[in-house]
Protein backbone atom coordinates (compact mmCIF):
# COMPACT_ATOMS: atom_id res chain seq x y z
CA MET A 1 39.73 -48.18 79.84
CA SER A 2 37.83 -48.87 76.65
CA GLU A 3 36.01 -46.07 74.89
CA ALA A 4 32.54 -45.40 76.25
CA THR A 5 30.47 -42.33 77.10
CA ILE A 6 30.29 -39.86 79.97
CA ALA A 7 26.99 -38.39 80.99
CA GLY A 8 27.16 -34.67 81.30
CA GLU A 9 25.72 -31.35 80.39
CA THR A 10 23.67 -30.83 77.29
CA ALA A 11 23.20 -27.10 77.18
CA THR A 12 25.16 -24.11 76.00
CA ARG A 13 24.43 -21.90 78.98
CA ASP A 14 27.28 -23.45 81.02
CA THR A 15 30.63 -21.83 80.29
CA ILE A 16 34.13 -22.74 81.41
CA ASP A 17 35.74 -20.02 83.52
CA ALA A 18 38.83 -20.05 85.70
CA PRO A 19 38.22 -21.41 89.23
CA VAL A 20 38.04 -19.06 92.19
CA THR A 21 40.97 -19.45 94.60
CA THR A 22 39.79 -17.97 97.89
CA ASP A 23 40.57 -19.64 101.21
CA VAL A 24 37.99 -21.61 103.19
CA PRO A 25 37.12 -19.69 106.38
CA ALA A 26 38.35 -21.47 109.49
CA THR A 27 35.08 -20.77 111.30
CA THR A 28 32.86 -22.85 109.04
CA ASP A 29 31.84 -26.40 109.85
CA VAL A 30 32.27 -27.72 106.31
CA PRO A 31 35.57 -29.60 105.83
CA ALA A 32 38.01 -28.28 103.24
CA THR A 33 39.10 -31.78 102.25
CA THR A 34 37.21 -34.99 101.80
CA GLY A 35 39.54 -37.52 103.40
CA VAL A 36 38.39 -40.20 100.98
CA PRO A 37 40.51 -43.34 101.47
CA ALA A 38 42.05 -45.26 98.61
CA THR A 39 42.63 -49.00 98.81
CA ASP A 40 46.22 -50.16 99.05
CA ALA A 41 47.70 -53.42 97.73
CA SER A 42 46.86 -55.27 100.93
CA GLY A 43 43.21 -54.32 100.70
CA GLY A 44 43.35 -51.80 103.55
CA ALA A 45 42.47 -48.13 103.39
CA SER A 46 45.21 -45.58 102.83
CA PRO A 47 44.95 -41.79 102.50
CA VAL A 48 44.76 -40.26 99.04
CA THR A 49 47.98 -38.36 98.36
CA GLY A 50 49.69 -36.38 95.62
CA GLU A 51 47.74 -35.12 92.62
CA ARG A 52 44.54 -36.87 93.62
CA ALA A 53 44.60 -35.30 97.06
CA ASP A 54 45.06 -31.89 95.43
CA LEU A 55 42.12 -32.51 93.09
CA LEU A 56 39.89 -33.60 95.97
CA ALA A 57 40.91 -30.67 98.18
CA MET A 58 40.26 -28.09 95.47
CA LEU A 59 36.92 -29.61 94.54
CA ALA A 60 35.90 -29.73 98.22
CA LYS A 61 36.78 -26.04 98.58
CA HIS A 62 34.52 -24.97 95.74
CA ARG A 63 31.71 -27.26 96.88
CA HIS A 64 32.01 -25.69 100.31
CA PHE A 65 31.57 -22.16 99.02
CA LEU A 66 28.58 -23.18 96.94
CA ARG A 67 26.89 -24.86 99.93
CA LEU A 68 27.80 -21.92 102.18
CA THR A 69 25.51 -19.61 100.21
CA THR A 70 22.49 -21.64 101.40
CA ARG A 71 23.22 -21.43 105.14
CA ASP A 72 20.24 -20.60 107.39
CA LEU A 73 17.79 -20.30 104.49
CA THR A 74 14.20 -21.48 104.39
CA ASP A 75 12.92 -23.53 101.47
CA GLU A 76 11.04 -20.46 100.25
CA GLN A 77 14.21 -18.38 100.23
CA ALA A 78 16.18 -21.14 98.52
CA GLY A 79 13.64 -21.17 95.71
CA ARG A 80 13.38 -17.40 95.33
CA ARG A 81 14.90 -15.39 92.48
CA SER A 82 16.70 -12.37 93.90
CA THR A 83 18.24 -10.93 90.70
CA VAL A 84 17.19 -10.50 87.07
CA SER A 85 18.54 -14.02 86.52
CA GLU A 86 16.22 -17.03 86.46
CA LEU A 87 18.55 -18.72 88.95
CA CYS A 88 17.80 -19.51 92.58
CA LEU A 89 20.04 -21.12 95.18
CA GLY A 90 18.16 -24.39 95.43
CA GLY A 91 18.17 -24.72 91.66
CA LEU A 92 21.89 -24.03 91.46
CA ILE A 93 22.61 -26.83 93.92
CA LYS A 94 20.44 -29.18 91.84
CA HIS A 95 22.17 -28.14 88.63
CA VAL A 96 25.72 -28.47 89.93
CA ALA A 97 24.90 -31.89 91.37
CA SER A 98 23.50 -32.97 88.00
CA VAL A 99 26.56 -31.68 86.15
CA GLU A 100 28.96 -33.44 88.51
CA ARG A 101 27.00 -36.67 88.32
CA GLY A 102 27.00 -36.55 84.53
CA TRP A 103 30.70 -35.91 84.12
CA ALA A 104 31.52 -38.65 86.63
CA ASP A 105 29.47 -40.98 84.42
CA PHE A 106 31.50 -39.76 81.46
CA ILE A 107 34.75 -40.69 83.21
CA LEU A 108 33.41 -44.19 83.74
CA ASN A 109 31.44 -44.82 80.55
CA GLY A 110 32.44 -42.29 77.90
CA PRO A 111 30.35 -40.12 75.54
CA SER A 112 27.31 -42.40 75.38
CA ALA A 113 26.50 -41.38 78.96
CA MET A 114 25.92 -37.82 77.79
CA GLY A 115 23.25 -38.58 75.23
CA ASP A 116 22.74 -36.91 71.88
CA ALA A 117 22.00 -33.20 72.16
CA SER A 118 20.61 -33.09 68.64
CA SER A 119 17.85 -35.52 69.57
CA MET A 120 16.61 -33.62 72.62
CA THR A 121 12.91 -32.74 72.44
CA GLU A 122 11.10 -29.71 73.83
CA ALA A 123 10.07 -31.89 76.75
CA ASP A 124 13.73 -32.78 77.37
CA TRP A 125 14.69 -29.10 77.42
CA ALA A 126 11.76 -28.31 79.72
CA ARG A 127 12.93 -30.98 82.17
CA ARG A 128 16.39 -29.53 82.06
CA ASP A 129 15.05 -26.05 82.80
CA GLU A 130 13.37 -27.49 85.90
CA GLU A 131 16.85 -28.44 87.09
CA PHE A 132 17.46 -24.74 87.80
CA ARG A 133 14.42 -24.33 90.05
CA LEU A 134 13.35 -25.65 93.43
CA LEU A 135 10.12 -27.37 92.49
CA PRO A 136 7.01 -27.89 94.65
CA GLY A 137 7.72 -30.69 97.11
CA GLU A 138 11.49 -30.23 96.91
CA THR A 139 13.38 -28.95 99.95
CA LEU A 140 16.74 -27.33 100.42
CA ALA A 141 17.74 -30.11 102.81
CA GLY A 142 16.79 -32.68 100.19
CA VAL A 143 18.81 -31.15 97.38
CA LEU A 144 21.81 -30.66 99.66
CA ALA A 145 21.63 -34.31 100.72
CA ALA A 146 21.50 -35.38 97.07
CA TYR A 147 24.52 -33.18 96.34
CA ASP A 148 26.39 -34.83 99.22
CA GLU A 149 25.75 -38.24 97.68
CA VAL A 150 27.00 -37.08 94.27
CA ALA A 151 30.13 -35.66 95.90
CA ARG A 152 30.77 -38.88 97.81
CA ARG A 153 30.57 -40.89 94.59
CA THR A 154 32.92 -38.53 92.74
CA ASP A 155 35.43 -38.55 95.58
CA GLU A 156 35.49 -42.34 95.61
CA LEU A 157 36.01 -42.30 91.85
CA VAL A 158 39.00 -39.96 92.16
CA ALA A 159 40.49 -42.16 94.88
CA THR A 160 40.12 -45.43 93.00
CA LEU A 161 40.32 -44.63 89.28
CA PRO A 162 43.22 -46.62 87.81
CA ASP A 163 44.51 -43.87 85.50
CA LEU A 164 43.76 -40.13 85.41
CA ASP A 165 45.16 -40.04 81.85
CA ALA A 166 42.43 -42.37 80.54
CA ALA A 167 40.50 -40.42 77.90
CA TRP A 168 37.21 -40.53 76.02
CA PRO A 169 36.09 -38.61 72.94
CA LEU A 170 33.58 -35.90 73.70
CA PRO A 171 30.16 -36.42 72.12
CA GLU A 172 29.28 -34.42 69.06
CA ALA A 173 27.63 -31.17 70.10
CA PRO A 174 27.83 -27.53 68.94
CA TRP A 175 29.59 -26.50 72.16
CA PHE A 176 32.32 -29.16 71.99
CA GLU A 177 35.38 -28.99 69.75
CA PRO A 178 35.02 -31.61 67.00
CA GLY A 179 37.23 -34.61 67.65
CA ALA A 180 38.26 -33.48 71.13
CA ARG A 181 39.10 -36.01 73.83
CA TRP A 182 39.11 -35.36 77.56
CA THR A 183 41.12 -37.26 80.11
CA ALA A 184 39.67 -38.08 83.50
CA ARG A 185 41.93 -35.36 84.88
CA ARG A 186 40.56 -32.68 82.55
CA THR A 187 37.01 -33.81 83.23
CA LEU A 188 37.57 -33.43 86.97
CA MET A 189 39.01 -29.98 86.38
CA HIS A 190 35.88 -29.11 84.43
CA ILE A 191 33.73 -30.23 87.38
CA MET A 192 35.78 -27.90 89.59
CA THR A 193 35.37 -25.03 87.15
CA GLU A 194 31.62 -25.52 86.94
CA THR A 195 31.36 -25.64 90.72
CA ALA A 196 33.48 -22.52 91.21
CA GLN A 197 31.61 -20.59 88.53
CA HIS A 198 28.23 -21.39 90.03
CA ALA A 199 29.46 -20.71 93.56
CA GLY A 200 30.11 -17.16 92.34
CA HIS A 201 26.62 -16.96 90.89
CA ALA A 202 25.21 -18.26 94.16
CA ASP A 203 27.14 -15.68 96.19
CA ILE A 204 25.56 -12.84 94.21
CA ILE A 205 22.09 -14.36 94.54
CA ARG A 206 22.51 -14.75 98.32
CA GLU A 207 23.80 -11.22 98.82
CA SER A 208 20.87 -9.89 96.78
CA LEU A 209 18.52 -12.02 98.86
CA ASP A 210 19.41 -10.84 102.35
CA GLY A 211 22.83 -9.17 102.27
CA ALA A 212 24.77 -12.22 103.49
CA LYS A 213 28.18 -12.78 101.92
CA SER A 214 30.44 -15.82 101.67
CA MET A 215 33.55 -13.69 102.19
CA GLY A 216 34.05 -10.30 103.80
């Protein structure tokens, strides 16, 4: 893979925490694994195995817990702030989908896909802030469907990427280590971390909203 850019986050408010490692409840109807097929040498479909299967399973688990926090909600509830945070559940789904889409672009195209943070205008930052809210005309079903499409694309990428060790330099930004390079593997792990972190945020928001919990 030649050096190119990966689209991704452009704000400092996203931190990198350790992923949550709870088990997916057996009673839910959201699958714990994606079952994305890879293509074998003969052109037929074969199951993803080994490291890639582990990556897909772990990512699916954290996506599941994030989506679970929105179960049985109305659009009004999905857009409501229930804590001192500015976050709402619909906005979190939008944000995580955007983050995953951007980092998948980074895996494919390198740092140019992320843009230059130093050149962002007030209007750019305002548009990014809207990513954290469910805007008029947006629905919970719509943002969940968009998230599903992002997940499908990422899963296909994991299944078909020639080399998880392929690396790109990170773009210059205050929140990135100067000169750092991320492999596709590390980038996928970052997507997992982002998803797990925000699933925790979402769980608190949902419990504050109506007392429902993802676990317990």
